[in-house]
PDB file of N, CA and C in Angstrom:
ATOM      1  N   THR A   1       0.802  -1.180  -0.094  1.00  0.00           N
ATOM      2  CA  THR A   1      -0.051   0.031  -0.073  1.00  0.00           C
ATOM      3  C   THR A   1       1.151   1.130  -0.103  1.00  0.00           C
ATOM      4  N   GLY A   2       2.134   1.252   0.544  1.00  0.00           N
ATOM      5  CA  GLY A   2       2.632   2.524   0.602  1.00  0.00           C
ATOM      6  C   GLY A   2       3.545   2.814  -0.509  1.00  0.00           C
ATOM      7  N   TYR A   3       3.977   1.684  -1.330  1.00  0.00           N
ATOM      8  CA  TYR A   3       4.543   1.808  -2.322  1.00  0.00           C
ATOM      9  C   TYR A   3       3.877   1.413  -3.389  1.00  0.00           C
ATOM     10  N   SER A   4       2.839   1.661  -3.716  1.00  0.00           N
ATOM     11  CA  SER A   4       1.819   1.147  -4.845  1.00  0.00           C
ATOM     12  C   SER A   4       2.187   2.222  -5.835  1.00  0.00           C
ATOM     13  N   SER A   5       2.297   1.808  -7.254  1.00  0.00           N
ATOM     14  CA  SER A   5       2.393   2.833  -8.074  1.00  0.00           C
ATOM     15  C   SER A   5       2.470   2.033  -9.356  1.00  0.00           C
ATOM     16  N   PHE A   6       1.546   2.355 -10.307  1.00  0.00           N
ATOM     17  CA  PHE A   6       1.603   1.571 -11.520  1.00  0.00           C
ATOM     18  C   PHE A   6       2.754   1.801 -12.150  1.00  0.00           C
ATOM     19  N   VAL A   7       3.536   2.961 -12.420  1.00  0.00           N
ATOM     20  CA  VAL A   7       4.680   3.093 -12.594  1.00  0.00           C
ATOM     21  C   VAL A   7       5.821   2.124 -12.758  1.00  0.00           C
ATOM     22  N   TYR A   8       5.739   1.579 -11.206  1.00  0.00           N
ATOM     23  CA  TYR A   8       6.531   0.498 -10.764  1.00  0.00           C
ATOM     24  C   TYR A   8       6.222  -0.691 -11.949  1.00  0.00           C
ATOM     25  N   VAL A   9       4.882  -0.935 -11.771  1.00  0.00           N
ATOM     26  CA  VAL A   9       4.565  -2.145 -12.742  1.00  0.00           C
ATOM     27  C   VAL A   9       5.362  -2.413 -14.302  1.00  0.00           C
ATOM     28  N   GLN A  10       5.724  -1.180 -14.956  1.00  0.00           N
ATOM     29  CA  GLN A  10       5.839  -0.866 -16.092  1.00  0.00           C
ATOM     30  C   GLN A  10       7.310  -0.915 -16.409  1.00  0.00           C
ATOM     31  N   ARG A  11       7.918  -0.385 -14.860  1.00  0.00           N
ATOM     32  CA  ARG A  11       9.365  -0.237 -14.857  1.00  0.00           C
ATOM     33  C   ARG A  11      10.200  -1.393 -14.274  1.00  0.00           C
ATOM     34  N   PHE A  12       9.430  -2.328 -13.639  1.00  0.00           N
ATOM     35  CA  PHE A  12      10.566  -3.508 -13.267  1.00  0.00           C
ATOM     36  C   PHE A  12      10.065  -4.615 -13.882  1.00  0.00           C
ATOM     37  N   PRO A  13      10.626  -5.565 -14.196  1.00  0.00           N
ATOM     38  CA  PRO A  13      10.078  -6.879 -14.430  1.00  0.00           C
ATOM     39  C   PRO A  13       9.465  -7.614 -13.257  1.00  0.00           C
ATOM     40  N   PHE A  14       8.564  -7.567 -12.704  1.00  0.00           N
ATOM     41  CA  PHE A  14       7.811  -8.195 -11.915  1.00  0.00           C
ATOM     42  C   PHE A  14       6.842  -9.563 -12.331  1.00  0.00           C
ATOM     43  N   ASP A  15       6.737 -10.515 -11.578  1.00  0.00           N
ATOM     44  CA  ASP A  15       5.927 -12.020 -11.875  1.00  0.00           C
ATOM     45  C   ASP A  15       4.569 -11.739 -10.884  1.00  0.00           C
ATOM     46  N   LYS A  16       4.751 -11.000 -10.120  1.00  0.00           N
ATOM     47  CA  LYS A  16       3.917 -11.196  -9.279  1.00  0.00           C
ATOM     48  C   LYS A  16       3.316  -9.884  -8.813  1.00  0.00           C
ATOM     49  N   ILE A  17       2.196  -9.722  -7.962  1.00  0.00           N
ATOM     50  CA  ILE A  17       1.551  -8.581  -7.805  1.00  0.00           C
ATOM     51  C   ILE A  17       0.708  -9.124  -6.466  1.00  0.00           C
ATOM     52  N   LYS A  18       0.783  -8.441  -5.374  1.00  0.00           N
ATOM     53  CA  LYS A  18       0.258  -8.970  -3.948  1.00  0.00           C
ATOM     54  C   LYS A  18      -0.627  -7.845  -3.124  1.00  0.00           C
ATOM     55  N   ILE A  19      -1.625  -8.377  -2.783  1.00  0.00           N
ATOM     56  CA  ILE A  19      -2.709  -7.926  -2.376  1.00  0.00           C
ATOM     57  C   ILE A  19      -2.502  -7.715  -1.188  1.00  0.00           C
ATOM     58  N   ASP A  20      -2.473  -6.418  -0.326  1.00  0.00           N
ATOM     59  CA  ASP A  20      -2.381  -5.975   0.702  1.00  0.00           C
ATOM     60  C   ASP A  20      -3.461  -6.824   1.500  1.00  0.00           C
ATOM     61  N   ARG A  21      -2.876  -6.899   3.001  1.00  0.00           N
ATOM     62  CA  ARG A  21      -3.772  -7.527   3.628  1.00  0.00           C
ATOM     63  C   ARG A  21      -5.048  -6.586   4.192  1.00  0.00           C
ATOM     64  N   SER A  22      -4.795  -5.463   4.031  1.00  0.00           N
ATOM     65  CA  SER A  22      -5.657  -4.431   4.578  1.00  0.00           C
ATOM     66  C   SER A  22      -7.104  -4.599   3.627  1.00  0.00           C
ATOM     67  N   PHE A  23      -6.983  -4.817   2.400  1.00  0.00           N
ATOM     68  CA  PHE A  23      -7.907  -4.935   1.260  1.00  0.00           C
ATOM     69  C   PHE A  23      -8.429  -6.212   1.668  1.00  0.00           C
ATOM     70  N   VAL A  24      -7.727  -7.889   2.171  1.00  0.00           N
ATOM     71  CA  VAL A  24      -8.118  -8.532   2.407  1.00  0.00           C
ATOM     72  C   VAL A  24      -9.463  -8.569   3.477  1.00  0.00           C
ATOM     73  N   GLU A  25      -8.652  -8.001   5.145  1.00  0.00           N
ATOM     74  CA  GLU A  25      -9.813  -8.028   6.248  1.00  0.00           C
ATOM     75  C   GLU A  25     -10.627  -7.353   5.947  1.00  0.00           C
ATOM     76  N   LYS A  26     -11.251  -6.411   4.876  1.00  0.00           N
ATOM     77  CA  LYS A  26     -12.374  -5.639   4.191  1.00  0.00           C
ATOM     78  C   LYS A  26     -13.064  -6.652   3.309  1.00  0.00           C
ATOM     79  N   LEU A  27     -12.950  -7.454   3.114  1.00  0.00           N
ATOM     80  CA  LEU A  27     -13.267  -7.907   1.955  1.00  0.00           C
ATOM     81  C   LEU A  27     -15.078  -8.256   1.877  1.00  0.00           C
ATOM     82  N   ASP A  28     -15.387  -8.803   2.951  1.00  0.00           N
ATOM     83  CA  ASP A  28     -16.684  -8.943   2.730  1.00  0.00           C
ATOM     84  C   ASP A  28     -17.400  -7.807   3.252  1.00  0.00           C
ATOM     85  N   ALA A  29     -16.680  -6.805   4.345  1.00  0.00           N
ATOM     86  CA  ALA A  29     -17.685  -5.843   4.932  1.00  0.00           C
ATOM     87  C   ALA A  29     -17.802  -4.344   3.751  1.00  0.00           C
ATOM     88  N   SER A  30     -16.700  -4.560   3.051  1.00  0.00           N
ATOM     89  CA  SER A  30     -16.422  -3.396   1.956  1.00  0.00           C
ATOM     90  C   SER A  30     -16.364  -3.474   0.278  1.00  0.00           C
ATOM     91  N   PRO A  31     -17.712  -2.986   0.012  1.00  0.00           N
ATOM     92  CA  PRO A  31     -17.600  -3.040  -1.808  1.00  0.00           C
ATOM     93  C   PRO A  31     -16.455  -2.821  -2.357  1.00  0.00           C
ATOM     94  N   ALA A  32     -15.863  -1.468  -1.450  1.00  0.00           N
ATOM     95  CA  ALA A  32     -14.941  -0.896  -2.335  1.00  0.00           C
ATOM     96  C   ALA A  32     -13.744  -1.657  -2.221  1.00  0.00           C
ATOM     97  N   ALA A  33     -13.533  -2.660  -1.208  1.00  0.00           N
ATOM     98  CA  ALA A  33     -12.015  -3.446  -1.124  1.00  0.00           C
ATOM     99  C   ALA A  33     -12.657  -4.621  -2.290  1.00  0.00           C
ATOM    100  N   ALA A  34     -13.472  -5.095  -2.261  1.00  0.00           N
ATOM    101  CA  ALA A  34     -13.877  -6.446  -2.986  1.00  0.00           C
ATOM    102  C   ALA A  34     -13.629  -6.024  -4.790  1.00  0.00           C
ATOM    103  N   ALA A  35     -13.893  -4.660  -4.802  1.00  0.00           N
ATOM    104  CA  ALA A  35     -13.970  -4.082  -6.130  1.00  0.00           C
ATOM    105  C   ALA A  35     -12.225  -3.737  -6.374  1.00  0.00           C
ATOM    106  N   ILE A  36     -11.631  -3.541  -5.590  1.00  0.00           N
ATOM    107  CA  ILE A  36     -10.091  -3.314  -5.559  1.00  0.00           C
ATOM    108  C   ILE A  36      -9.327  -4.416  -5.566  1.00  0.00           C
ATOM    109  N   VAL A  37      -9.826  -5.511  -5.524  1.00  0.00           N
ATOM    110  CA  VAL A  37      -9.501  -6.856  -5.205  1.00  0.00           C
ATOM    111  C   VAL A  37      -9.445  -7.726  -6.748  1.00  0.00           C
ATOM    112  N   ALA A  38     -10.945  -7.453  -7.291  1.00  0.00           N
ATOM    113  CA  ALA A  38     -11.169  -7.700  -8.059  1.00  0.00           C
ATOM    114  C   ALA A  38     -10.604  -7.354  -9.571  1.00  0.00           C
ATOM    115  N   ALA A  39     -10.212  -6.033  -9.634  1.00  0.00           N
ATOM    116  CA  ALA A  39      -9.441  -5.099 -10.192  1.00  0.00           C
ATOM    117  C   ALA A  39      -8.033  -5.361 -10.501  1.00  0.00           C
ATOM    118  N   THR A  40      -7.515  -5.164  -9.699  1.00  0.00           N
ATOM    119  CA  THR A  40      -6.174  -5.989  -9.089  1.00  0.00           C
ATOM    120  C   THR A  40      -5.813  -7.321  -9.872  1.00  0.00           C
ATOM    121  N   VAL A  41      -6.965  -8.476  -9.827  1.00  0.00           N
ATOM    122  CA  VAL A  41      -6.905  -9.876 -10.362  1.00  0.00           C
ATOM    123  C   VAL A  41      -6.859  -9.473 -11.665  1.00  0.00           C
ATOM    124  N   ALA A  42      -7.755  -8.771 -12.249  1.00  0.00           N
ATOM    125  CA  ALA A  42      -8.089  -8.582 -13.854  1.00  0.00           C
ATOM    126  C   ALA A  42      -6.971  -7.777 -14.310  1.00  0.00           C
ATOM    127  N   LEU A  43      -6.366  -6.867 -13.796  1.00  0.00           N
ATOM    128  CA  LEU A  43      -5.112  -6.197 -14.235  1.00  0.00           C
ATOM    129  C   LEU A  43      -4.023  -7.490 -14.071  1.00  0.00           C
ATOM    130  N   ALA A  44      -3.533  -7.968 -13.297  1.00  0.00           N
ATOM    131  CA  ALA A  44      -2.577  -8.965 -13.244  1.00  0.00           C
ATOM    132  C   ALA A  44      -2.822  -9.909 -14.507  1.00  0.00           C
ATOM    133  N   LYS A  45      -3.846 -10.575 -14.632  1.00  0.00           N
ATOM    134  CA  LYS A  45      -4.211 -11.720 -15.140  1.00  0.00           C
ATOM    135  C   LYS A  45      -3.983 -10.861 -17.075  1.00  0.00           C
ATOM    136  N   SER A  46      -4.413  -9.893 -17.275  1.00  0.00           N
ATOM    137  CA  SER A  46      -3.878  -8.983 -18.280  1.00  0.00           C
ATOM    138  C   SER A  46      -2.494  -8.774 -18.960  1.00  0.00           C
ATOM    139  N   LEU A  47      -1.876  -8.810 -17.706  1.00  0.00           N
ATOM    140  CA  LEU A  47      -0.449  -8.338 -17.631  1.00  0.00           C
ATOM    141  C   LEU A  47       0.827  -9.712 -17.315  1.00  0.00           C
ATOM    142  N   ASP A  48      -0.328 -10.601 -17.477  1.00  0.00           N
ATOM    143  CA  ASP A  48       0.320 -12.154 -17.101  1.00  0.00           C
ATOM    144  C   ASP A  48       0.875 -12.164 -15.985  1.00  0.00           C
ATOM    145  N   LEU A  49       0.983 -11.573 -15.033  1.00  0.00           N
ATOM    146  CA  LEU A  49       1.132 -12.038 -13.832  1.00  0.00           C
ATOM    147  C   LEU A  49       0.249 -12.606 -12.699  1.00  0.00           C
ATOM    148  N   ASP A  50       0.940 -13.584 -11.912  1.00  0.00           N
ATOM    149  CA  ASP A  50       0.357 -13.921 -10.484  1.00  0.00           C
ATOM    150  C   ASP A  50       0.100 -13.122  -9.519  1.00  0.00           C
ATOM    151  N   VAL A  51      -1.141 -13.260  -8.873  1.00  0.00           N
ATOM    152  CA  VAL A  51      -1.488 -12.346  -8.035  1.00  0.00           C
ATOM    153  C   VAL A  51      -1.103 -12.920  -6.765  1.00  0.00           C
ATOM    154  N   VAL A  52      -0.855 -12.746  -5.386  1.00  0.00           N
ATOM    155  CA  VAL A  52      -0.506 -13.559  -4.261  1.00  0.00           C
ATOM    156  C   VAL A  52      -1.557 -12.403  -3.257  1.00  0.00           C
ATOM    157  N   ALA A  53      -2.656 -12.916  -2.321  1.00  0.00           N
ATOM    158  CA  ALA A  53      -3.260 -12.283  -1.595  1.00  0.00           C
ATOM    159  C   ALA A  53      -2.854 -12.407   0.089  1.00  0.00           C
ATOM    160  N   GLU A  54      -2.099 -11.977   0.748  1.00  0.00           N
ATOM    161  CA  GLU A  54      -1.379 -11.933   1.826  1.00  0.00           C
ATOM    162  C   GLU A  54      -2.512 -11.675   3.030  1.00  0.00           C
ATOM    163  N   GLY A  55      -2.360 -12.037   4.106  1.00  0.00           N
ATOM    164  CA  GLY A  55      -3.101 -11.659   5.389  1.00  0.00           C
ATOM    165  C   GLY A  55      -4.434 -12.486   5.512  1.00  0.00           C
ATOM    166  N   VAL A  56      -4.472 -13.762   4.991  1.00  0.00           N
ATOM    167  CA  VAL A  56      -5.937 -14.559   4.810  1.00  0.00           C
ATOM    168  C   VAL A  56      -6.136 -15.302   6.114  1.00  0.00           C
ATOM    169  N   GLU A  57      -7.019 -14.774   6.978  1.00  0.00           N
ATOM    170  CA  GLU A  57      -7.361 -15.461   8.454  1.00  0.00           C
ATOM    171  C   GLU A  57      -8.368 -16.297   8.252  1.00  0.00           C
ATOM    172  N   THR A  58      -9.577 -16.179   7.443  1.00  0.00           N
ATOM    173  CA  THR A  58     -10.602 -16.980   7.731  1.00  0.00           C
ATOM    174  C   THR A  58     -10.813 -17.636   6.435  1.00  0.00           C
ATOM    175  N   GLU A  59     -11.708 -18.694   6.617  1.00  0.00           N
ATOM    176  CA  GLU A  59     -11.958 -19.414   5.723  1.00  0.00           C
ATOM    177  C   GLU A  59     -13.080 -18.659   4.341  1.00  0.00           C
ATOM    178  N   ALA A  60     -13.569 -17.787   5.022  1.00  0.00           N
ATOM    179  CA  ALA A  60     -14.486 -16.842   4.110  1.00  0.00           C
ATOM    180  C   ALA A  60     -13.819 -15.966   3.296  1.00  0.00           C
ATOM    181  N   GLN A  61     -12.644 -15.777   3.754  1.00  0.00           N
ATOM    182  CA  GLN A  61     -11.479 -14.846   2.977  1.00  0.00           C
ATOM    183  C   GLN A  61     -11.075 -15.578   1.866  1.00  0.00           C
ATOM    184  N   MET A  62     -10.715 -16.716   2.376  1.00  0.00           N
ATOM    185  CA  MET A  62      -9.745 -17.785   1.703  1.00  0.00           C
ATOM    186  C   MET A  62     -10.896 -17.850   0.253  1.00  0.00           C
ATOM    187  N   ARG A  63     -12.104 -18.096   0.432  1.00  0.00           N
ATOM    188  CA  ARG A  63     -13.380 -19.030  -0.534  1.00  0.00           C
ATOM    189  C   ARG A  63     -13.943 -17.440  -1.413  1.00  0.00           C
ATOM    190  N   ARG A  64     -13.820 -16.287  -0.476  1.00  0.00           N
ATOM    191  CA  ARG A  64     -14.201 -14.945  -1.368  1.00  0.00           C
ATOM    192  C   ARG A  64     -13.064 -14.993  -2.217  1.00  0.00           C
ATOM    193  N   LEU A  65     -11.704 -14.923  -2.162  1.00  0.00           N
ATOM    194  CA  LEU A  65     -10.717 -14.389  -2.617  1.00  0.00           C
ATOM    195  C   LEU A  65     -10.209 -15.612  -3.936  1.00  0.00           C
ATOM    196  N   ALA A  66     -10.643 -16.813  -3.984  1.00  0.00           N
ATOM    197  CA  ALA A  66     -10.781 -17.894  -5.103  1.00  0.00           C
ATOM    198  C   ALA A  66     -11.964 -17.367  -5.837  1.00  0.00           C
ATOM    199  N   GLU A  67     -12.770 -16.659  -5.136  1.00  0.00           N
ATOM    200  CA  GLU A  67     -13.963 -16.500  -6.539  1.00  0.00           C
ATOM    201  C   GLU A  67     -13.526 -15.046  -6.955  1.00  0.00           C
ATOM    202  N   LEU A  68     -13.408 -14.512  -6.758  1.00  0.00           N
ATOM    203  CA  LEU A  68     -12.311 -12.946  -7.206  1.00  0.00           C
ATOM    204  C   LEU A  68     -11.489 -13.570  -8.457  1.00  0.00           C
ATOM    205  N   GLY A  69     -10.974 -15.076  -8.225  1.00  0.00           N
ATOM    206  CA  GLY A  69      -9.680 -15.306  -9.040  1.00  0.00           C
ATOM    207  C   GLY A  69      -8.604 -14.955  -8.534  1.00  0.00           C
ATOM    208  N   CYS A  70      -8.065 -15.322  -7.519  1.00  0.00           N
ATOM    209  CA  CYS A  70      -6.677 -15.280  -6.718  1.00  0.00           C
ATOM    210  C   CYS A  70      -6.627 -16.385  -5.714  1.00  0.00           C
ATOM    211  N   PRO A  71      -5.834 -17.785  -6.441  1.00  0.00           N
ATOM    212  CA  PRO A  71      -5.770 -18.950  -5.763  1.00  0.00           C
ATOM    213  C   PRO A  71      -4.629 -18.538  -4.855  1.00  0.00           C
ATOM    214  N   LEU A  72      -3.705 -17.761  -5.087  1.00  0.00           N
ATOM    215  CA  LEU A  72      -2.489 -18.042  -4.435  1.00  0.00           C
ATOM    216  C   LEU A  72      -2.667 -17.073  -3.239  1.00  0.00           C
ATOM    217  N   GLN A  73      -2.593 -17.340  -1.913  1.00  0.00           N
ATOM    218  CA  GLN A  73      -2.834 -17.020  -0.787  1.00  0.00           C
ATOM    219  C   GLN A  73      -2.077 -17.268   0.372  1.00  0.00           C
ATOM    220  N   GLN A  74      -1.548 -15.933   1.563  1.00  0.00           N
ATOM    221  CA  GLN A  74      -0.858 -16.181   2.523  1.00  0.00           C
ATOM    222  C   GLN A  74      -1.729 -16.056   3.805  1.00  0.00           C
ATOM    223  N   GLY A  75      -1.138 -16.530   4.618  1.00  0.00           N
ATOM    224  CA  GLY A  75      -1.847 -16.001   6.034  1.00  0.00           C
ATOM    225  C   GLY A  75      -1.964 -16.990   7.056  1.00  0.00           C
ATOM    226  N   PHE A  76      -2.837 -16.767   8.039  1.00  0.00           N
ATOM    227  CA  PHE A  76      -2.625 -17.451   9.332  1.00  0.00           C
ATOM    228  C   PHE A  76      -3.556 -18.321   9.292  1.00  0.00           C
ATOM    229  N   TYR A  77      -4.757 -18.360   8.466  1.00  0.00           N
ATOM    230  CA  TYR A  77      -5.465 -19.328   7.992  1.00  0.00           C
ATOM    231  C   TYR A  77      -4.937 -20.637   7.391  1.00  0.00           C
ATOM    232  N   PHE A  78      -3.944 -20.512   6.810  1.00  0.00           N
ATOM    233  CA  PHE A  78      -2.984 -21.681   6.091  1.00  0.00           C
ATOM    234  C   PHE A  78      -2.003 -22.172   7.160  1.00  0.00           C
ATOM    235  N   ALA A  79      -1.138 -21.097   7.990  1.00  0.00           N
ATOM    236  CA  ALA A  79       0.010 -21.605   8.866  1.00  0.00           C
ATOM    237  C   ALA A  79       0.641 -20.270   9.308  1.00  0.00           C
ATOM    238  N   ARG A  80       0.970 -20.191  10.657  1.00  0.00           N
ATOM    239  CA  ARG A  80       1.190 -18.978  11.368  1.00  0.00           C
ATOM    240  C   ARG A  80       3.010 -19.033  10.333  1.00  0.00           C
ATOM    241  N   ALA A  81       3.649 -18.206  10.601  1.00  0.00           N
ATOM    242  CA  ALA A  81       5.144 -17.972  10.166  1.00  0.00           C
ATOM    243  C   ALA A  81       5.808 -19.386  10.528  1.00  0.00           C
ATOM    244  N   LEU A  82       7.158 -19.774   9.845  1.00  0.00           N
ATOM    245  CA  LEU A  82       7.464 -20.594  10.329  1.00  0.00           C
ATOM    246  C   LEU A  82       9.028 -20.775   9.805  1.00  0.00           C
ATOM    247  N   PRO A  83      10.262 -21.288  10.910  1.00  0.00           N
ATOM    248  CA  PRO A  83      11.200 -21.188  10.279  1.00  0.00           C
ATOM    249  C   PRO A  83      11.681 -22.384   9.070  1.00  0.00           C
ATOM    250  N   ARG A  84      12.505 -21.964   8.283  1.00  0.00           N
ATOM    251  CA  ARG A  84      12.389 -22.885   7.255  1.00  0.00           C
ATOM    252  C   ARG A  84      12.558 -24.437   7.339  1.00  0.00           C
ATOM    253  N   ALA A  85      13.227 -24.834   8.223  1.00  0.00           N
ATOM    254  CA  ALA A  85      12.974 -26.375   8.125  1.00  0.00           C
ATOM    255  C   ALA A  85      11.835 -26.949   8.611  1.00  0.00           C
ATOM    256  N   GLU A  86      11.074 -26.372   9.658  1.00  0.00           N
ATOM    257  CA  GLU A  86       9.700 -26.651   9.964  1.00  0.00           C
ATOM    258  C   GLU A  86       8.423 -26.145   8.206  1.00  0.00           C
ATOM    259  N   PHE A  87       9.092 -25.030   8.071  1.00  0.00           N
ATOM    260  CA  PHE A  87       8.199 -24.876   6.656  1.00  0.00           C
ATOM    261  C   PHE A  87       8.306 -25.992   5.565  1.00  0.00           C
ATOM    262  N   ASP A  88       9.321 -26.649   5.363  1.00  0.00           N
ATOM    263  CA  ASP A  88       9.785 -27.758   4.356  1.00  0.00           C
ATOM    264  C   ASP A  88       8.589 -28.871   5.150  1.00  0.00           C
ATOM    265  N   HIS A  89       8.671 -28.997   6.364  1.00  0.00           N
ATOM    266  CA  HIS A  89       7.833 -30.138   6.752  1.00  0.00           C
ATOM    267  C   HIS A  89       6.743 -29.993   6.615  1.00  0.00           C
ATOM    268  N   TRP A  90       6.298 -29.048   6.636  1.00  0.00           N
ATOM    269  CA  TRP A  90       4.785 -28.444   6.848  1.00  0.00           C
ATOM    270  C   TRP A  90       4.326 -28.169   5.247  1.00  0.00           C
ATOM    271  N   ARG A  91       5.085 -27.923   4.555  1.00  0.00           N
ATOM    272  CA  ARG A  91       4.925 -27.611   3.000  1.00  0.00           C
ATOM    273  C   ARG A  91       4.555 -29.197   2.584  1.00  0.00           C
ATOM    274  N   LYS A  92       5.596 -30.277   2.897  1.00  0.00           N
ATOM    275  CA  LYS A  92       5.328 -31.766   2.261  1.00  0.00           C
ATOM    276  C   LYS A  92       4.031 -32.442   2.786  1.00  0.00           C
ATOM    277  N   ASN A  93       3.555 -31.875   3.734  1.00  0.00           N
ATOM    278  CA  ASN A  93       2.727 -32.710   5.008  1.00  0.00           C
ATOM    279  C   ASN A  93       1.079 -32.069   4.485  1.00  0.00           C
ATOM    280  N   TRP A  94       1.611 -31.085   4.204  1.00  0.00           N
ATOM    281  CA  TRP A  94      -0.042 -29.790   4.198  1.00  0.00           C
ATOM    282  C   TRP A  94      -1.303 -30.542   3.307  1.00  0.00           C
ATOM    283  N   VAL A  95      -2.034 -30.021   4.309  1.00  0.00           N
ATOM    284  CA  VAL A  95      -3.580 -30.689   3.150  1.00  0.00           C
ATOM    285  C   VAL A  95      -4.593 -29.319   3.097  1.00  0.00           C
ATOM    286  N   PRO A  96      -4.755 -29.133   2.255  1.00  0.00           N
ATOM    287  CA  PRO A  96      -6.134 -28.031   2.328  1.00  0.00           C
ATOM    288  C   PRO A  96      -7.101 -28.183   3.288  1.00  0.00           C
ATOM    289  N   PRO A  97      -7.089 -26.919   4.475  1.00  0.00           N
ATOM    290  CA  PRO A  97      -8.241 -27.114   5.079  1.00  0.00           C
ATOM    291  C   PRO A  97      -9.607 -27.496   4.974  1.00  0.00           C
ATOM    292  N   GLU A  98     -10.252 -27.042   3.485  1.00  0.00           N
ATOM    293  CA  GLU A  98     -11.253 -27.649   3.080  1.00  0.00           C
ATOM    294  C   GLU A  98     -11.437 -29.536   3.194  1.00  0.00           C
ATOM    295  N   LEU A  99     -10.048 -29.700   2.967  1.00  0.00           N
ATOM    296  CA  LEU A  99      -9.944 -31.600   2.618  1.00  0.00           C
ATOM    297  C   LEU A  99      -9.787 -32.301   4.159  1.00  0.00           C
ATOM    298  N   ALA A 100      -9.223 -31.361   4.983  1.00  0.00           N
ATOM    299  CA  ALA A 100      -8.856 -32.446   6.440  1.00  0.00           C
ATOM    300  C   ALA A 100      -9.856 -32.868   6.964  1.00  0.00           C
TER     301      ALA A 100
END
């Protein structure tokens, strides 16, 4: 949010755009936040970029982001921050919450 600018999207060789958690946390309560997320996803797709949403804390947020076209997500809903060794173990053994 603090360093957002479309100039950077053209200037630097990005392969991903990250959606700030401030939009994710307001996703269900704010039509404007949902519109910004949807527009960001559309922009990224048109530029052939991946989109990652950060700060996903609930199943509702996870599902809404997926509905809006953002399958790449991170946040406490999936796991807390982990040291590298623990992350490698978690990654190998992770089961999506909806399948657990």
